[in-house]
Amino acid sequence: MSPPLVHLFDAHIYIFRSWFGMPEMRAPDGAAVEAAFGFTNTLIQYLREHEPSHVAVCFDHGLKTFRNEILPSYKESRSEPPPELEAQFEMCREAARALGLTVFSADGYEADDVIGTLVAGLGESARVRVVSADKDLTQLVTEDGRVVMYDLARDRTFDAAAVRKKFGVDPAQIPDYLGLVGDAVDDLPGVPGVGKVGAAAALTAFGSADAIPANPDAWEGVNVRGVRRLAERIAEHRGDLLRGRQLATVVRDVPGIEAGLADLAWHGADRQWIDELYERLGWGQMATWLPGWA
């Protein structure tokens, strides 16, 4: 018998998409609610369409994490969310809980790390679908298909073969890959002059950032344009490469984050909580869209 499928939501991607994609909405008290409404609707539609037996929703705890201690400029280009959006983060948490979903976050860590820790803790007891479009999370995808990533907006599943097709490297090599090419979204600098093709070629040839030789002569047989210059650039910026890899590596042992299958089982929404929440936020008949009640 196949182990149950656990669905782990990367919440903030869908909160921000709702914030930018929904028209302005106000609760009866005048508070902005469009991001929370859109996010909650996303969860409800997912529950209706996929009928999951086990679900959790993982949130970032704050803008700053332990990664800022390693590199202060990490994600520095991301401005603080506007007050009207920040006020909706707690609405989103409450809505997820009212829907009967288990919610996780951890001070000093990102939602990625929480997801990685839950995946590690579940081990062989479950199959896992990580619901996200964050390329960092593709490193959690396993070769045996036990863990996949699902891009909800594109209705696309990333197994190990799909990760290799998109990035040219194995899922386990994604942190090394991001250390080489950088990531503008997270303000990871990468190695100057190293692009996707060069990074994939280096990791295909040598396996990991640690194994990439500094001597260009050792690159003989690596089929990529400007191979000597590529080798020299990586050698020159090895410190940046290794720090970038550290920042891009999803933590899999966040303190205090643990859950078994019983903790993640979905039994339906809390009718009384939903009714009170929807009345307070002015969401009308959205509760009638729910697929099940506790």
Protein backbone atom coordinates (compact mmCIF):
# COMPACT_ATOMS: atom_id res chain seq x y z
CA MET A 1 0.00 0.00 0.00
CA SER A 2 1.34 3.41 -1.00
CA PRO A 3 2.07 5.83 1.88
CA PRO A 4 -0.22 8.86 2.15
CA LEU A 5 0.51 12.04 0.22
CA VAL A 6 1.25 15.08 2.40
CA HIS A 7 0.74 18.52 0.84
CA LEU A 8 3.01 21.28 2.20
CA PHE A 9 2.06 24.84 1.20
CA ASP A 10 4.64 27.61 0.86
CA ALA A 11 2.21 30.28 2.04
CA HIS A 12 3.83 33.63 1.27
CA ILE A 13 4.12 33.07 -2.48
CA TYR A 14 0.34 32.81 -2.69
CA ILE A 15 -0.28 35.65 -0.26
CA PHE A 16 1.81 38.03 -2.35
CA ARG A 17 0.21 36.84 -5.59
CA SER A 18 -3.19 37.59 -4.11
CA TRP A 19 -2.02 41.01 -2.91
CA PHE A 20 -0.90 42.00 -6.39
CA GLY A 21 -3.64 40.17 -8.30
CA MET A 22 -6.83 40.91 -6.38
CA PRO A 23 -8.88 44.12 -6.56
CA GLU A 24 -9.11 46.18 -3.39
CA MET A 25 -11.38 44.65 -0.77
CA ARG A 26 -12.39 45.98 2.64
CA ALA A 27 -13.82 44.33 5.72
CA PRO A 28 -16.81 45.95 7.46
CA ASP A 29 -14.37 47.74 9.78
CA GLY A 30 -12.44 49.17 6.82
CA ALA A 31 -9.43 46.85 7.03
CA ALA A 32 -7.87 45.68 3.75
CA VAL A 33 -8.57 41.97 3.17
CA GLU A 34 -7.84 41.27 -0.52
CA ALA A 35 -4.60 39.32 0.06
CA ALA A 36 -6.18 37.21 2.81
CA PHE A 37 -9.30 36.62 0.71
CA GLY A 38 -7.30 35.55 -2.34
CA PHE A 39 -5.02 33.32 -0.28
CA THR A 40 -7.93 31.66 1.50
CA ASN A 41 -9.70 31.12 -1.80
CA THR A 42 -6.52 29.49 -3.15
CA LEU A 43 -6.51 27.07 -0.22
CA ILE A 44 -10.22 26.30 -0.62
CA GLN A 45 -9.89 25.62 -4.34
CA TYR A 46 -6.92 23.35 -3.68
CA LEU A 47 -8.84 21.41 -1.06
CA ARG A 48 -11.78 21.02 -3.44
CA GLU A 49 -9.73 19.94 -6.44
CA HIS A 50 -7.13 17.70 -4.78
CA GLU A 51 -9.04 16.34 -1.76
CA PRO A 52 -5.91 15.93 0.36
CA SER A 53 -5.86 13.71 3.42
CA HIS A 54 -2.82 15.47 4.97
CA VAL A 55 -1.93 19.17 4.65
CA ALA A 56 0.18 21.85 6.33
CA VAL A 57 0.69 25.51 5.56
CA CYS A 58 4.15 26.97 6.23
CA PHE A 59 4.77 30.68 6.79
CA ASP A 60 7.84 32.89 6.99
CA HIS A 61 8.20 34.21 10.52
CA GLY A 62 9.70 37.55 9.52
CA LEU A 63 11.84 39.31 6.93
CA LYS A 64 15.13 38.70 8.76
CA THR A 65 16.55 35.22 9.35
CA PHE A 66 19.83 33.60 10.36
CA ARG A 67 20.95 34.09 6.75
CA ASN A 68 21.22 37.84 7.33
CA GLU A 69 23.86 37.12 9.95
CA ILE A 70 25.89 35.30 7.29
CA LEU A 71 25.27 37.90 4.57
CA PRO A 72 23.66 41.16 5.73
CA SER A 73 22.65 42.01 2.15
CA TYR A 74 20.61 38.81 1.82
CA LYS A 75 17.19 39.81 0.43
CA GLU A 76 18.00 43.46 1.14
CA SER A 77 16.24 44.58 -2.04
CA ARG A 78 12.95 43.36 -0.63
CA SER A 79 11.24 46.26 1.04
CA GLU A 80 9.11 45.88 4.13
CA PRO A 81 5.54 44.95 3.17
CA PRO A 82 3.11 47.85 3.28
CA PRO A 83 1.14 48.05 6.55
CA GLU A 84 -2.11 47.01 4.87
CA LEU A 85 -0.49 43.80 3.61
CA GLU A 86 1.44 43.09 6.82
CA ALA A 87 -1.81 43.26 8.78
CA GLN A 88 -3.21 40.48 6.57
CA PHE A 89 -0.51 37.92 7.36
CA GLU A 90 -2.21 37.06 10.64
CA MET A 91 -5.58 36.91 8.85
CA CYS A 92 -4.06 34.32 6.51
CA ARG A 93 -2.78 32.26 9.42
CA GLU A 94 -6.15 32.38 11.13
CA ALA A 95 -7.98 31.48 7.92
CA ALA A 96 -5.72 28.46 7.38
CA ARG A 97 -6.34 27.27 10.93
CA ALA A 98 -10.08 27.82 10.59
CA LEU A 99 -9.98 25.65 7.49
CA GLY A 100 -8.60 22.92 9.72
CA LEU A 101 -5.06 23.09 8.34
CA THR A 102 -1.95 22.74 10.48
CA VAL A 103 0.17 25.92 10.43
CA PHE A 104 3.93 26.14 10.98
CA SER A 105 6.57 28.88 11.21
CA ALA A 106 9.82 29.33 13.12
CA ASP A 107 11.54 32.45 14.38
CA GLY A 108 14.78 33.09 12.50
CA TYR A 109 13.95 30.72 9.66
CA GLU A 110 12.12 30.85 6.34
CA ALA A 111 9.13 28.79 5.33
CA ASP A 112 11.52 26.84 3.06
CA ASP A 113 13.40 25.63 6.14
CA VAL A 114 10.19 24.65 7.90
CA ILE A 115 9.11 22.68 4.84
CA GLY A 116 12.53 21.03 4.59
CA THR A 117 12.36 20.00 8.24
CA LEU A 118 8.88 18.53 7.87
CA VAL A 119 9.98 16.59 4.78
CA ALA A 120 13.00 15.22 6.63
CA GLY A 121 10.92 14.28 9.66
CA LEU A 122 8.31 12.42 7.65
CA GLY A 123 10.96 10.23 6.06
CA GLU A 124 9.62 7.14 4.38
CA SER A 125 6.25 7.34 6.16
CA ALA A 126 4.78 9.61 3.49
CA ARG A 127 4.99 10.93 -0.02
CA VAL A 128 5.25 14.73 -0.12
CA ARG A 129 4.08 17.38 -2.56
CA VAL A 130 5.65 20.78 -1.88
CA VAL A 131 3.22 23.37 -3.23
CA SER A 132 5.41 26.27 -4.33
CA ALA A 133 7.10 27.93 -7.30
CA ASP A 134 10.32 28.66 -5.38
CA LYS A 135 13.30 27.12 -7.19
CA ASP A 136 15.17 26.82 -3.88
CA LEU A 137 12.71 24.11 -2.86
CA THR A 138 13.54 21.91 -5.84
CA GLN A 139 16.51 20.68 -3.80
CA LEU A 140 14.03 18.71 -1.68
CA VAL A 141 12.87 16.67 -4.69
CA THR A 142 13.99 13.06 -4.44
CA GLU A 143 15.17 10.70 -7.14
CA ASP A 144 12.69 8.02 -6.08
CA GLY A 145 9.71 10.32 -6.58
CA ARG A 146 8.78 10.37 -2.90
CA VAL A 147 9.09 14.19 -2.80
CA VAL A 148 8.03 16.43 -5.69
CA MET A 149 7.36 20.14 -6.06
CA TYR A 150 4.10 21.37 -7.54
CA ASP A 151 3.80 24.80 -9.16
CA LEU A 152 0.14 25.55 -8.55
CA ALA A 153 -0.16 28.51 -10.94
CA ARG A 154 1.28 26.53 -13.85
CA ASP A 155 -0.20 23.18 -12.82
CA ARG A 156 3.26 21.67 -13.24
CA THR A 157 4.93 18.98 -11.16
CA PHE A 158 8.70 18.89 -10.75
CA ASP A 159 10.14 15.45 -10.18
CA ALA A 160 13.89 14.83 -10.40
CA ALA A 161 13.82 14.55 -14.20
CA ALA A 162 11.95 17.85 -14.52
CA VAL A 163 14.46 19.59 -12.24
CA ARG A 164 17.33 18.31 -14.39
CA LYS A 165 15.57 19.44 -17.55
CA LYS A 166 15.02 22.96 -16.22
CA PHE A 167 18.33 23.60 -14.46
CA GLY A 168 20.72 21.05 -15.95
CA VAL A 169 21.63 19.64 -12.51
CA ASP A 170 20.31 17.10 -10.03
CA PRO A 171 17.97 18.31 -7.25
CA ALA A 172 20.71 17.75 -4.66
CA GLN A 173 23.00 20.09 -6.62
CA ILE A 174 20.61 23.06 -6.56
CA PRO A 175 22.38 24.84 -3.64
CA ASP A 176 25.73 24.54 -5.49
CA TYR A 177 24.05 25.74 -8.67
CA LEU A 178 22.58 28.82 -6.95
CA GLY A 179 25.92 29.49 -5.31
CA LEU A 180 27.43 29.66 -8.81
CA VAL A 181 24.78 31.58 -10.76
CA GLY A 182 23.40 33.64 -7.87
CA ASP A 183 19.78 34.61 -7.43
CA ALA A 184 18.60 38.18 -7.97
CA VAL A 185 15.36 37.45 -6.09
CA ASP A 186 17.30 36.67 -2.90
CA ASP A 187 20.26 39.01 -3.58
CA LEU A 188 22.68 36.11 -3.83
CA PRO A 189 25.69 37.44 -5.77
CA GLY A 190 26.94 34.19 -7.32
CA VAL A 191 30.22 34.04 -9.23
CA PRO A 192 30.62 36.93 -11.70
CA GLY A 193 30.51 35.76 -15.28
CA VAL A 194 29.16 32.30 -14.52
CA GLY A 195 25.83 31.60 -16.17
CA LYS A 196 23.42 28.71 -16.14
CA VAL A 197 25.22 26.72 -18.83
CA GLY A 198 28.64 27.09 -17.22
CA ALA A 199 27.31 26.24 -13.76
CA ALA A 200 25.53 23.13 -15.03
CA ALA A 201 28.62 22.02 -16.96
CA ALA A 202 30.87 22.42 -13.92
CA LEU A 203 28.55 20.52 -11.61
CA THR A 204 27.94 17.77 -14.16
CA ALA A 205 31.69 17.32 -14.50
CA PHE A 206 32.73 17.59 -10.85
CA GLY A 207 29.62 16.90 -8.78
CA SER A 208 29.78 19.66 -6.18
CA ALA A 209 31.26 23.09 -5.51
CA ASP A 210 33.85 21.53 -3.21
CA ALA A 211 35.14 19.28 -5.96
CA ILE A 212 35.54 21.97 -8.65
CA PRO A 213 39.29 22.27 -9.26
CA ALA A 214 41.06 25.62 -9.21
CA ASN A 215 43.55 24.56 -11.86
CA PRO A 216 42.09 25.16 -15.35
CA ASP A 217 44.16 22.25 -16.69
CA ALA A 218 42.00 19.91 -14.63
CA TRP A 219 38.96 21.06 -16.62
CA GLU A 220 40.06 19.26 -19.76
CA GLY A 221 37.09 17.56 -21.33
CA VAL A 222 34.49 19.93 -19.84
CA ASN A 223 32.53 20.91 -22.91
CA VAL A 224 31.63 24.55 -22.35
CA ARG A 225 32.70 27.76 -24.04
CA GLY A 226 35.50 29.71 -22.32
CA VAL A 227 36.31 26.86 -19.97
CA ARG A 228 39.63 28.29 -18.74
CA ARG A 229 38.11 31.65 -17.88
CA LEU A 230 35.22 29.87 -16.17
CA ALA A 231 37.64 27.89 -14.03
CA GLU A 232 39.58 31.02 -13.12
CA ARG A 233 36.46 32.94 -12.12
CA ILE A 234 35.23 30.16 -9.88
CA ALA A 235 38.63 29.82 -8.24
CA GLU A 236 38.82 33.57 -7.69
CA HIS A 237 35.38 33.77 -6.09
CA ARG A 238 35.29 30.44 -4.26
CA GLY A 239 34.45 32.13 -0.97
CA ASP A 240 31.39 33.78 -2.50
CA LEU A 241 30.39 30.47 -4.07
CA LEU A 242 30.54 28.55 -0.81
CA ARG A 243 28.73 31.28 1.12
CA GLY A 244 26.04 31.43 -1.55
CA ARG A 245 25.61 27.69 -1.37
CA GLN A 246 25.23 27.90 2.41
CA LEU A 247 22.55 30.56 2.06
CA ALA A 248 20.69 28.60 -0.62
CA THR A 249 20.69 25.35 1.36
CA VAL A 250 17.34 24.57 2.93
CA VAL A 251 17.67 23.74 6.63
CA ARG A 252 16.23 20.35 7.52
CA ASP A 253 16.46 20.42 11.30
CA VAL A 254 14.71 23.60 12.48
CA PRO A 255 14.32 23.41 16.27
CA GLY A 256 10.79 22.80 17.45
CA ILE A 257 9.41 21.79 14.05
CA GLU A 258 8.17 18.24 14.02
CA ALA A 259 4.96 16.54 13.00
CA GLY A 260 3.76 13.04 12.28
CA LEU A 261 1.02 12.00 9.92
CA ALA A 262 -1.62 12.30 12.65
CA ASP A 263 -0.66 15.95 13.19
CA LEU A 264 -1.05 16.73 9.48
CA ALA A 265 -4.33 14.92 8.84
CA TRP A 266 -7.07 17.17 7.46
CA HIS A 267 -10.52 16.53 8.91
CA GLY A 268 -12.37 19.53 7.47
CA ALA A 269 -13.01 23.15 8.43
CA ASP A 270 -14.27 24.44 11.75
CA ARG A 271 -17.79 25.69 10.91
CA GLN A 272 -18.19 28.02 13.90
CA TRP A 273 -14.73 29.56 13.41
CA ILE A 274 -15.30 29.97 9.66
CA ASP A 275 -18.69 31.62 10.15
CA GLU A 276 -17.27 34.09 12.69
CA LEU A 277 -14.19 34.85 10.61
CA TYR A 278 -16.09 35.37 7.36
CA GLU A 279 -18.63 37.62 9.03
CA ARG A 280 -15.87 39.70 10.61
CA LEU A 281 -14.01 40.05 7.31
CA GLY A 282 -17.09 40.52 5.14
CA TRP A 283 -16.51 37.48 2.95
CA GLY A 284 -20.15 36.58 2.49
CA GLN A 285 -20.91 33.17 1.03
CA MET A 286 -17.35 31.95 0.44
CA ALA A 287 -17.88 29.39 3.18
CA THR A 288 -20.33 27.55 0.93
CA TRP A 289 -17.37 26.67 -1.36
CA LEU A 290 -15.74 24.52 1.30
CA PRO A 291 -15.51 20.80 0.48
CA GLY A 292 -15.79 19.48 4.02
CA TRP A 293 -16.45 20.30 7.66
CA ALA A 294 -14.90 18.92 10.80
